[in-house]
Amino acid sequence: MASTAPAAPGMDEPEELRDLRSALRRMVTAMAPESVVREHLDSPAGFDRSAWTRLATQIGVQGLAVAEEYGGAGRGMRELAVAGEELGSSLFPGPFLSTVLLSATLVTRSRDTATMQALLPGIVDGSLVCTLALPRHGAGWDAGATTVTAVADADRWTLTGTVDHVLDGQTADAMLMPARHDGVISVFRVAADSPGVEIRPVLAMDQTRRFAHLRLTSVPALRVGAPGAARGLLADAGAVAAVGLAADQLGGARRMLEVTAEYARTRYQFGRPIGSFQAVKHTLANMLIGTELARAALDDAVRAVDAEAPDLATAVSAAKIVCSETYYDVAAAAIQLHGGIGFTWEHSAHLYFKRATADRVLLGTPAHHARHLAEALDL
């Protein structure tokens, strides 16, 4: 049977990106085989803090896009996308999306020196887990949908309100969230162990990610950045996180294609490998085409983020749409081509399918991004 494997990612990448990808792949393979991923499905935290710290100290994933003065490497979206793809290919358990993509990005873009000094070094060395509590709005999210109110008393701020489905909310050491005050919306940070913070885990379809419901009652807080800057900061962090999530989705789709192509080569039926049957060939070909289209869309979004290009918003939405749909379709096809074993708890396909299903909703559904895309293009 002719090979249906995608071109190896990184073939046209600069040497430093190939080295990053290779090092990450080796480390992730060693630290997070499927058996380890499954161990964390029912654990309270959902990940191993020591493994998360090793990722920071040995490769520096958490500090890839953080400025050197705070211990980071000062790189950009290209490096974050490589990390997202490799972590997503193994369903690596860890707060990459919440801490690195969302929180570190927002803190950096805030240009708030006190907040950067307080949070970034801990994020970089893996000792601090931070999350951004995004207010849900329909099929997406919007700072204006916040239900948290900030009240100032002299130089002291307190927050009161609730936020649903906060990613890694039950394991975070620090939390960032928009709150309304004096007719504007600003971002604030709170310590997760502050008095008045109630955290309730929320059951999710994808057991490889953790979500929580937050209730805050007069919780001490510090403002991040300028007053009324929440919309801009959340837009910046959301764009980087959406591209990082698209990379995660591509990594998962790529892994499912690899596993399924290998199964089609080695699974025999009627005396021949099932990959020799036309229907299976066509399905694998569609899976391959989908992953290559997703890679092209992701590459364009990475370019737009790093260049702060005028088409940034459209490139990000296009990548999120294509990568979301590709991951879901490839994961569903993988289950189908594996036949009966694809539906079993023992096989990895259901873990990827659940991740693919949940990720379509995370940071905006394809329909949500399609509306944004249509509005931006005047369609």
Protein backbone atom coordinates (compact mmCIF):
# COMPACT_ATOMS: atom_id res chain seq x y z
CA MET A 1 0.00 0.00 0.00
CA ALA A 2 1.30 3.46 -0.85
CA SER A 3 2.22 5.59 2.14
CA THR A 4 -0.52 7.88 3.45
CA ALA A 5 1.56 9.45 6.18
CA PRO A 6 1.78 13.25 6.11
CA ALA A 7 5.03 14.94 5.32
CA ALA A 8 7.10 15.05 8.48
CA PRO A 9 6.40 18.31 10.31
CA GLY A 10 9.39 20.55 10.42
CA MET A 11 10.94 19.49 7.10
CA ASP A 12 11.08 23.12 5.93
CA GLU A 13 11.65 24.63 9.39
CA PRO A 14 14.79 26.46 10.47
CA GLU A 15 17.26 24.31 12.35
CA GLU A 16 16.41 25.78 15.77
CA LEU A 17 12.73 24.91 15.31
CA ARG A 18 13.59 21.38 14.20
CA ASP A 19 15.77 21.00 17.29
CA LEU A 20 12.96 22.26 19.52
CA ARG A 21 10.47 19.90 17.92
CA SER A 22 12.84 16.93 18.20
CA ALA A 23 13.69 17.61 21.84
CA LEU A 24 10.05 18.09 22.77
CA ARG A 25 8.98 14.93 20.99
CA ARG A 26 11.58 12.85 22.79
CA MET A 27 10.69 14.33 26.17
CA VAL A 28 6.94 14.06 25.71
CA THR A 29 7.24 10.47 24.52
CA ALA A 30 9.23 9.60 27.63
CA MET A 31 7.17 11.58 30.16
CA ALA A 32 3.63 11.21 28.81
CA PRO A 33 2.97 7.86 27.17
CA GLU A 34 -0.68 6.90 26.99
CA SER A 35 -0.45 5.04 30.31
CA VAL A 36 0.55 8.27 32.09
CA VAL A 37 -2.18 10.28 30.34
CA ARG A 38 -4.73 7.73 31.54
CA GLU A 39 -3.39 7.88 35.10
CA HIS A 40 -4.30 11.56 35.23
CA LEU A 41 -7.82 11.22 33.81
CA ASP A 42 -9.28 10.84 37.29
CA SER A 43 -6.62 12.61 39.34
CA PRO A 44 -7.66 15.84 41.09
CA ALA A 45 -5.07 18.01 39.34
CA GLY A 46 -5.10 16.26 35.98
CA PHE A 47 -1.34 16.58 35.59
CA ASP A 48 1.97 16.00 37.37
CA ARG A 49 3.57 19.18 38.71
CA SER A 50 7.04 17.63 38.66
CA ALA A 51 6.67 16.75 34.96
CA TRP A 52 5.46 20.29 34.26
CA THR A 53 8.54 21.67 36.04
CA ARG A 54 10.85 19.36 34.08
CA LEU A 55 9.34 20.70 30.86
CA ALA A 56 10.35 24.17 32.05
CA THR A 57 13.84 23.41 33.34
CA GLN A 58 14.97 21.01 30.60
CA ILE A 59 13.42 22.59 27.48
CA GLY A 60 12.00 25.93 28.60
CA VAL A 61 8.57 25.53 27.02
CA GLN A 62 6.85 27.85 29.48
CA GLY A 63 9.24 30.69 28.71
CA LEU A 64 9.45 30.41 24.93
CA ALA A 65 7.71 33.73 24.30
CA VAL A 66 8.57 35.45 27.58
CA ALA A 67 11.16 38.23 27.57
CA GLU A 68 14.70 37.28 28.60
CA GLU A 69 14.67 39.72 31.54
CA TYR A 70 12.04 37.50 33.17
CA GLY A 71 13.91 34.26 32.45
CA GLY A 72 12.34 33.45 29.08
CA ALA A 73 13.73 32.91 25.60
CA GLY A 74 12.09 35.96 24.02
CA ARG A 75 10.83 34.05 20.98
CA GLY A 76 7.36 34.10 19.40
CA MET A 77 4.36 32.31 17.96
CA ARG A 78 6.37 29.95 15.76
CA GLU A 79 7.99 28.38 18.79
CA LEU A 80 4.71 28.27 20.73
CA ALA A 81 3.00 26.55 17.77
CA VAL A 82 5.70 23.87 17.61
CA ALA A 83 5.27 23.26 21.33
CA GLY A 84 1.48 23.19 21.03
CA GLU A 85 1.59 20.68 18.20
CA GLU A 86 3.97 18.30 19.95
CA LEU A 87 2.12 18.49 23.28
CA GLY A 88 -1.22 18.01 21.52
CA SER A 89 0.03 14.96 19.64
CA SER A 90 0.39 13.09 22.94
CA LEU A 91 -2.42 14.80 24.90
CA PHE A 92 0.31 15.93 27.31
CA PRO A 93 -1.28 16.65 30.71
CA GLY A 94 -0.38 20.18 31.75
CA PRO A 95 -1.64 23.78 31.82
CA PHE A 96 0.03 24.90 28.58
CA LEU A 97 -3.08 26.60 27.22
CA SER A 98 -4.13 28.35 30.42
CA THR A 99 -0.72 29.32 31.81
CA VAL A 100 1.54 29.79 28.80
CA LEU A 101 -0.75 30.81 25.95
CA LEU A 102 -3.43 32.78 27.78
CA SER A 103 -1.91 34.07 31.01
CA ALA A 104 1.72 34.73 30.05
CA THR A 105 0.56 36.44 26.87
CA LEU A 106 -1.87 38.72 28.68
CA VAL A 107 0.65 39.61 31.38
CA THR A 108 3.30 40.40 28.78
CA ARG A 109 0.94 42.51 26.66
CA SER A 110 -0.23 44.43 29.74
CA ARG A 111 3.22 46.02 30.10
CA ASP A 112 2.46 46.09 33.83
CA THR A 113 5.92 45.83 35.39
CA ALA A 114 4.69 44.81 38.85
CA THR A 115 2.53 42.03 37.45
CA MET A 116 5.24 40.81 35.08
CA GLN A 117 7.75 40.65 37.93
CA ALA A 118 5.25 38.86 40.16
CA LEU A 119 4.05 36.21 37.69
CA LEU A 120 6.37 35.68 34.73
CA PRO A 121 9.42 34.21 36.51
CA GLY A 122 7.21 31.60 38.21
CA ILE A 123 5.48 30.75 34.95
CA VAL A 124 8.84 30.38 33.20
CA ASP A 125 10.36 28.03 35.78
CA GLY A 126 7.19 25.95 36.05
CA SER A 127 6.49 26.72 39.71
CA LEU A 128 3.42 28.90 39.06
CA VAL A 129 0.20 27.80 37.39
CA CYS A 130 -1.87 30.76 36.26
CA THR A 131 -5.17 30.89 34.41
CA LEU A 132 -7.29 33.47 32.65
CA ALA A 133 -10.98 33.38 33.55
CA LEU A 134 -12.63 34.15 30.20
CA PRO A 135 -16.27 35.27 30.36
CA ARG A 136 -18.39 33.11 28.08
CA HIS A 137 -20.55 34.86 25.51
CA GLY A 138 -22.71 32.69 23.27
CA ALA A 139 -20.45 30.48 21.18
CA GLY A 140 -17.36 32.50 22.08
CA TRP A 141 -16.16 34.81 24.83
CA ASP A 142 -16.13 38.56 25.44
CA ALA A 143 -14.76 40.78 28.20
CA GLY A 144 -18.08 42.63 28.15
CA ALA A 145 -19.87 39.49 29.33
CA THR A 146 -18.09 39.52 32.68
CA THR A 147 -20.24 39.03 35.75
CA VAL A 148 -17.46 40.06 38.13
CA THR A 149 -17.53 43.50 39.76
CA ALA A 150 -14.49 45.32 41.12
CA VAL A 151 -14.82 47.76 44.02
CA ALA A 152 -12.08 50.14 45.13
CA ASP A 153 -11.64 51.06 48.79
CA ALA A 154 -8.73 53.48 49.09
CA ASP A 155 -5.82 51.61 47.39
CA ARG A 156 -7.43 48.21 47.78
CA TRP A 157 -9.54 46.40 45.17
CA THR A 158 -11.96 43.57 45.85
CA LEU A 159 -13.78 41.36 43.36
CA THR A 160 -17.24 39.81 43.64
CA GLY A 161 -18.98 37.61 41.10
CA THR A 162 -18.88 34.26 39.32
CA VAL A 163 -17.10 32.78 36.31
CA ASP A 164 -18.01 29.47 34.68
CA HIS A 165 -15.74 26.92 33.00
CA VAL A 166 -12.38 28.36 34.01
CA LEU A 167 -9.62 26.27 32.48
CA ASP A 168 -7.36 24.76 35.18
CA GLY A 169 -9.20 26.84 37.76
CA GLN A 170 -8.89 24.16 40.45
CA THR A 171 -5.09 23.89 40.15
CA ALA A 172 -4.15 27.52 39.48
CA ASP A 173 -2.02 29.43 41.95
CA ALA A 174 -3.00 32.77 40.42
CA MET A 175 -5.99 33.90 38.38
CA LEU A 176 -6.50 36.73 35.92
CA MET A 177 -10.00 37.95 35.13
CA PRO A 178 -11.84 40.94 33.70
CA ALA A 179 -14.10 42.85 36.09
CA ARG A 180 -16.37 45.85 35.69
CA HIS A 181 -15.81 49.08 37.62
CA ASP A 182 -16.62 52.76 37.11
CA GLY A 183 -18.18 52.10 33.70
CA VAL A 184 -15.12 50.29 32.29
CA ILE A 185 -13.72 46.75 32.31
CA SER A 186 -10.19 46.08 33.54
CA VAL A 187 -8.16 42.93 34.19
CA PHE A 188 -7.38 41.95 37.77
CA ARG A 189 -5.28 39.26 39.36
CA VAL A 190 -6.05 37.31 42.49
CA ALA A 191 -4.31 34.58 44.44
CA ALA A 192 -6.27 31.35 44.22
CA ASP A 193 -5.95 30.75 47.96
CA SER A 194 -7.33 34.18 48.89
CA PRO A 195 -10.23 34.32 51.35
CA GLY A 196 -13.54 34.55 49.53
CA VAL A 197 -12.52 32.35 46.57
CA GLU A 198 -14.72 29.27 46.09
CA ILE A 199 -13.64 26.77 43.46
CA ARG A 200 -15.90 23.95 42.28
CA PRO A 201 -14.65 21.42 39.69
CA VAL A 202 -16.84 21.09 36.59
CA LEU A 203 -17.24 17.74 34.85
CA ALA A 204 -16.14 17.93 31.20
CA MET A 205 -16.33 15.56 28.26
CA ASP A 206 -12.58 15.81 27.69
CA GLN A 207 -11.02 14.36 30.82
CA THR A 208 -7.54 15.47 29.73
CA ARG A 209 -8.46 19.09 30.57
CA ARG A 210 -9.83 20.48 33.83
CA PHE A 211 -12.43 23.21 34.30
CA ALA A 212 -13.85 24.89 37.39
CA HIS A 213 -16.63 27.24 38.46
CA LEU A 214 -15.41 30.24 40.45
CA ARG A 215 -17.35 32.25 42.99
CA LEU A 216 -15.66 35.33 44.42
CA THR A 217 -16.88 37.26 47.45
CA SER A 218 -14.95 40.43 48.26
CA VAL A 219 -11.69 38.84 47.15
CA PRO A 220 -8.56 41.05 47.39
CA ALA A 221 -7.22 41.83 43.92
CA LEU A 222 -4.64 43.85 42.04
CA ARG A 223 -5.37 45.59 38.76
CA VAL A 224 -3.32 44.51 35.73
CA GLY A 225 -2.41 47.17 33.19
CA ALA A 226 -4.33 50.32 32.45
CA PRO A 227 -7.95 50.94 33.55
CA GLY A 228 -10.40 49.75 30.90
CA ALA A 229 -7.77 47.71 29.02
CA ALA A 230 -9.54 44.34 29.36
CA ARG A 231 -10.97 44.10 25.83
CA GLY A 232 -7.63 44.73 24.16
CA LEU A 233 -5.68 42.45 26.47
CA LEU A 234 -8.16 39.60 26.13
CA ALA A 235 -8.18 40.02 22.36
CA ASP A 236 -4.38 39.76 22.25
CA ALA A 237 -4.23 36.76 24.57
CA GLY A 238 -7.18 35.13 22.81
CA ALA A 239 -5.50 35.38 19.41
CA VAL A 240 -2.27 33.77 20.62
CA ALA A 241 -4.18 31.09 22.53
CA ALA A 242 -6.44 30.31 19.55
CA VAL A 243 -3.41 29.75 17.32
CA GLY A 244 -1.74 27.65 20.01
CA LEU A 245 -4.92 25.62 20.36
CA ALA A 246 -5.06 25.18 16.58
CA ALA A 247 -1.50 23.79 16.77
CA ASP A 248 -2.63 21.41 19.52
CA GLN A 249 -5.49 20.29 17.28
CA LEU A 250 -3.15 19.73 14.35
CA GLY A 251 -0.86 17.66 16.56
CA GLY A 252 -3.75 15.46 17.66
CA ALA A 253 -5.02 15.04 14.09
CA ARG A 254 -1.53 14.18 12.89
CA ARG A 255 -1.19 11.53 15.60
CA MET A 256 -4.55 9.95 14.77
CA LEU A 257 -3.61 9.82 11.08
CA GLU A 258 -0.29 8.15 11.89
CA VAL A 259 -1.90 5.57 14.16
CA THR A 260 -4.68 4.82 11.68
CA ALA A 261 -2.37 4.54 8.66
CA GLU A 262 -0.19 2.08 10.56
CA TYR A 263 -3.26 0.06 11.56
CA ALA A 264 -4.42 -0.03 7.93
CA ARG A 265 -1.03 -1.46 6.91
CA THR A 266 -0.95 -4.19 9.55
CA ARG A 267 -4.61 -5.18 10.00
CA TYR A 268 -5.49 -8.00 7.61
CA GLN A 269 -8.99 -8.90 6.44
CA PHE A 270 -9.84 -11.43 3.73
CA GLY A 271 -6.14 -12.19 3.38
CA ARG A 272 -4.98 -8.62 2.64
CA PRO A 273 -4.25 -5.41 4.59
CA ILE A 274 -7.38 -3.29 4.99
CA GLY A 275 -5.41 -0.35 3.62
CA SER A 276 -5.57 -1.98 0.20
CA PHE A 277 -9.34 -1.55 0.04
CA GLN A 278 -10.50 1.48 -1.92
CA ALA A 279 -12.90 2.80 0.73
CA VAL A 280 -10.14 2.77 3.34
CA LYS A 281 -7.69 4.41 0.94
CA HIS A 282 -10.15 7.21 0.22
CA THR A 283 -10.80 7.83 3.91
CA LEU A 284 -7.07 7.94 4.70
CA ALA A 285 -6.50 10.28 1.76
CA ASN A 286 -9.18 12.63 3.09
CA MET A 287 -7.56 12.52 6.53
CA LEU A 288 -4.20 13.41 4.99
CA ILE A 289 -5.63 16.26 2.93
CA GLY A 290 -7.35 17.63 6.02
CA THR A 291 -4.15 17.66 8.07
CA GLU A 292 -2.19 19.36 5.29
CA LEU A 293 -4.87 22.04 4.91
CA ALA A 294 -4.84 22.53 8.67
CA ARG A 295 -1.07 22.96 8.64
CA ALA A 296 -1.32 25.59 5.90
CA ALA A 297 -3.97 27.51 7.85
CA LEU A 298 -1.91 27.27 11.03
CA ASP A 299 1.26 28.47 9.31
CA ASP A 300 -0.60 31.51 7.99
CA ALA A 301 -1.95 32.36 11.44
CA VAL A 302 1.51 31.99 13.00
CA ARG A 303 2.87 34.41 10.39
CA ALA A 304 0.10 36.91 11.14
CA VAL A 305 0.65 36.80 14.91
CA ASP A 306 4.42 37.18 14.75
CA ALA A 307 4.18 40.00 12.20
CA GLU A 308 1.18 41.64 13.91
CA ALA A 309 -0.21 41.69 10.37
CA PRO A 310 -3.36 43.61 9.33
CA ASP A 311 -5.06 40.28 8.54
CA LEU A 312 -4.34 38.89 12.02
CA ALA A 313 -7.98 38.45 13.06
CA THR A 314 -9.01 36.70 9.84
CA ALA A 315 -5.95 34.43 9.80
CA VAL A 316 -6.54 33.38 13.42
CA SER A 317 -10.24 32.66 12.83
CA ALA A 318 -9.47 30.71 9.65
CA ALA A 319 -6.91 28.56 11.49
CA LYS A 320 -9.30 27.86 14.37
CA ILE A 321 -12.07 26.87 11.94
CA VAL A 322 -9.93 24.59 9.76
CA CYS A 323 -8.00 22.96 12.60
CA SER A 324 -11.17 22.40 14.68
CA GLU A 325 -13.03 20.73 11.83
CA THR A 326 -10.00 18.73 10.71
CA TYR A 327 -9.28 17.35 14.16
CA TYR A 328 -12.89 16.31 14.68
CA ASP A 329 -13.17 14.68 11.24
CA VAL A 330 -9.83 12.87 11.50
CA ALA A 331 -10.55 11.58 15.01
CA ALA A 332 -14.00 10.36 13.95
CA ALA A 333 -12.53 8.64 10.87
CA ALA A 334 -9.85 7.01 13.03
CA ILE A 335 -12.54 5.42 15.20
CA GLN A 336 -14.41 4.23 12.12
CA LEU A 337 -11.37 2.67 10.44
CA HIS A 338 -10.33 0.92 13.63
CA GLY A 339 -13.69 -0.84 13.62
CA GLY A 340 -14.87 -2.39 16.89
CA ILE A 341 -11.69 -1.70 18.85
CA GLY A 342 -11.93 2.01 18.04
CA PHE A 343 -14.98 2.30 20.29
CA THR A 344 -13.38 0.63 23.30
CA TRP A 345 -12.12 2.34 26.43
CA GLU A 346 -8.78 0.57 26.03
CA HIS A 347 -7.99 2.21 22.68
CA SER A 348 -6.60 5.74 22.52
CA ALA A 349 -8.95 6.89 19.73
CA HIS A 350 -11.72 7.91 22.12
CA LEU A 351 -9.34 10.16 24.09
CA TYR A 352 -8.47 12.08 20.94
CA PHE A 353 -12.08 12.19 19.77
CA LYS A 354 -13.21 13.68 23.09
CA ARG A 355 -10.39 16.24 22.94
CA ALA A 356 -11.33 17.08 19.34
CA THR A 357 -15.01 17.47 20.27
CA ALA A 358 -14.28 19.71 23.25
CA ASP A 359 -11.69 21.80 21.42
CA ARG A 360 -14.23 22.78 18.77
CA VAL A 361 -16.01 24.77 21.49
CA LEU A 362 -12.95 26.06 23.34
CA LEU A 363 -12.00 29.67 22.51
CA GLY A 364 -14.89 29.99 20.09
CA THR A 365 -16.74 27.47 17.95
CA PRO A 366 -16.13 27.22 14.18
CA ALA A 367 -19.48 28.97 13.67
CA HIS A 368 -18.42 31.81 15.99
CA HIS A 369 -15.15 32.29 14.10
CA ALA A 370 -16.94 31.99 10.76
CA ARG A 371 -19.17 34.91 11.73
CA HIS A 372 -16.14 36.97 12.68
CA LEU A 373 -14.48 36.02 9.43
CA ALA A 374 -17.55 36.96 7.39
CA GLU A 375 -17.86 40.32 9.15
CA ALA A 376 -14.17 41.11 8.65
CA LEU A 377 -14.38 40.26 4.93
CA ASP A 378 -17.72 42.07 4.46
CA LEU A 379 -19.44 38.89 3.34
